[in-house]
Amino acid sequence: MIRKLMYAQLSVFLFYGLVSGAAITLLIHYKCRQAEASATAAVLLQLSPRALSEVTI
């Protein structure tokens, strides 16, 4: 009985560890994409109107 409880606790612990690890990975990926978009926008804002008309995204 105690062994089943220990396995259940271990399963729950591993499941929550996996879910939180996936959530952290997604958050990091989102923040990296957001930073990349901000950097792109900063560069585009520095371009002259003539150069900006030649940019394709």
C-alpha atoms as a PDB file:
ATOM      1  CA  MET A   1       0.000   0.000   0.000  1.00  0.00           C
ATOM      2  CA  ILE A   2       2.757   2.449   0.913  1.00  0.00           C
ATOM      3  CA  ARG A   3       4.656   1.517  -2.240  1.00  0.00           C
ATOM      4  CA  LYS A   4       1.624   2.357  -4.425  1.00  0.00           C
ATOM      5  CA  LEU A   5       1.306   5.710  -2.680  1.00  0.00           C
ATOM      6  CA  MET A   6       4.985   6.406  -3.274  1.00  0.00           C
ATOM      7  CA  TYR A   7       4.638   5.558  -6.971  1.00  0.00           C
ATOM      8  CA  ALA A   8       1.560   7.773  -7.225  1.00  0.00           C
ATOM      9  CA  GLN A   9       3.409  10.676  -5.605  1.00  0.00           C
ATOM     10  CA  LEU A  10       6.390  10.119  -7.895  1.00  0.00           C
ATOM     11  CA  SER A  11       4.131  10.062 -10.951  1.00  0.00           C
ATOM     12  CA  VAL A  12       2.431  13.299  -9.943  1.00  0.00           C
ATOM     13  CA  PHE A  13       5.797  14.929  -9.190  1.00  0.00           C
ATOM     14  CA  LEU A  14       7.240  13.889 -12.560  1.00  0.00           C
ATOM     15  CA  PHE A  15       4.100  14.973 -14.414  1.00  0.00           C
ATOM     16  CA  TYR A  16       4.126  18.435 -12.839  1.00  0.00           C
ATOM     17  CA  GLY A  17       7.865  18.693 -13.484  1.00  0.00           C
ATOM     18  CA  LEU A  18       7.304  17.883 -17.137  1.00  0.00           C
ATOM     19  CA  VAL A  19       4.440  20.368 -17.465  1.00  0.00           C
ATOM     20  CA  SER A  20       6.351  23.156 -15.731  1.00  0.00           C
ATOM     21  CA  GLY A  21       9.428  22.430 -17.848  1.00  0.00           C
ATOM     22  CA  ALA A  22       7.342  22.706 -21.010  1.00  0.00           C
ATOM     23  CA  ALA A  23       5.754  25.936 -19.759  1.00  0.00           C
ATOM     24  CA  ILE A  24       9.173  27.453 -19.010  1.00  0.00           C
ATOM     25  CA  THR A  25      10.443  26.429 -22.443  1.00  0.00           C
ATOM     26  CA  LEU A  26       7.429  28.035 -24.147  1.00  0.00           C
ATOM     27  CA  LEU A  27       7.840  31.207 -22.099  1.00  0.00           C
ATOM     28  CA  ILE A  28      11.521  31.486 -23.022  1.00  0.00           C
ATOM     29  CA  HIS A  29      10.684  30.891 -26.694  1.00  0.00           C
ATOM     30  CA  TYR A  30       7.965  33.572 -26.551  1.00  0.00           C
ATOM     31  CA  LYS A  31      10.297  36.090 -24.892  1.00  0.00           C
ATOM     32  CA  CYS A  32      13.017  35.424 -27.488  1.00  0.00           C
ATOM     33  CA  ARG A  33      10.551  35.963 -30.338  1.00  0.00           C
ATOM     34  CA  GLN A  34       9.290  39.135 -28.663  1.00  0.00           C
ATOM     35  CA  ALA A  35      12.844  40.468 -28.300  1.00  0.00           C
ATOM     36  CA  GLU A  36      13.565  39.609 -31.930  1.00  0.00           C
ATOM     37  CA  ALA A  37      10.461  41.485 -33.061  1.00  0.00           C
ATOM     38  CA  SER A  38      11.397  44.500 -30.918  1.00  0.00           C
ATOM     39  CA  ALA A  39      14.905  44.552 -32.391  1.00  0.00           C
ATOM     40  CA  THR A  40      13.503  44.347 -35.920  1.00  0.00           C
ATOM     41  CA  ALA A  41      11.091  47.186 -35.190  1.00  0.00           C
ATOM     42  CA  ALA A  42      13.909  49.320 -33.761  1.00  0.00           C
ATOM     43  CA  VAL A  43      15.971  48.817 -36.911  1.00  0.00           C
ATOM     44  CA  LEU A  44      13.007  49.591 -39.176  1.00  0.00           C
ATOM     45  CA  LEU A  45      12.282  52.801 -37.267  1.00  0.00           C
ATOM     46  CA  GLN A  46      15.834  54.008 -37.923  1.00  0.00           C
ATOM     47  CA  LEU A  47      15.563  53.589 -41.706  1.00  0.00           C
ATOM     48  CA  SER A  48      14.871  56.498 -44.007  1.00  0.00           C
ATOM     49  CA  PRO A  49      11.513  56.506 -45.821  1.00  0.00           C
ATOM     50  CA  ARG A  50      13.278  55.708 -49.114  1.00  0.00           C
ATOM     51  CA  ALA A  51      15.097  52.711 -47.640  1.00  0.00           C
ATOM     52  CA  LEU A  52      11.947  51.627 -45.851  1.00  0.00           C
ATOM     53  CA  SER A  53      10.063  51.473 -49.155  1.00  0.00           C
ATOM     54  CA  GLU A  54      12.564  48.876 -50.382  1.00  0.00           C
ATOM     55  CA  VAL A  55      12.249  46.605 -47.351  1.00  0.00           C
ATOM     56  CA  THR A  56      10.259  43.392 -47.722  1.00  0.00           C
ATOM     57  CA  ILE A  57       9.161  41.427 -44.688  1.00  0.00           C
END
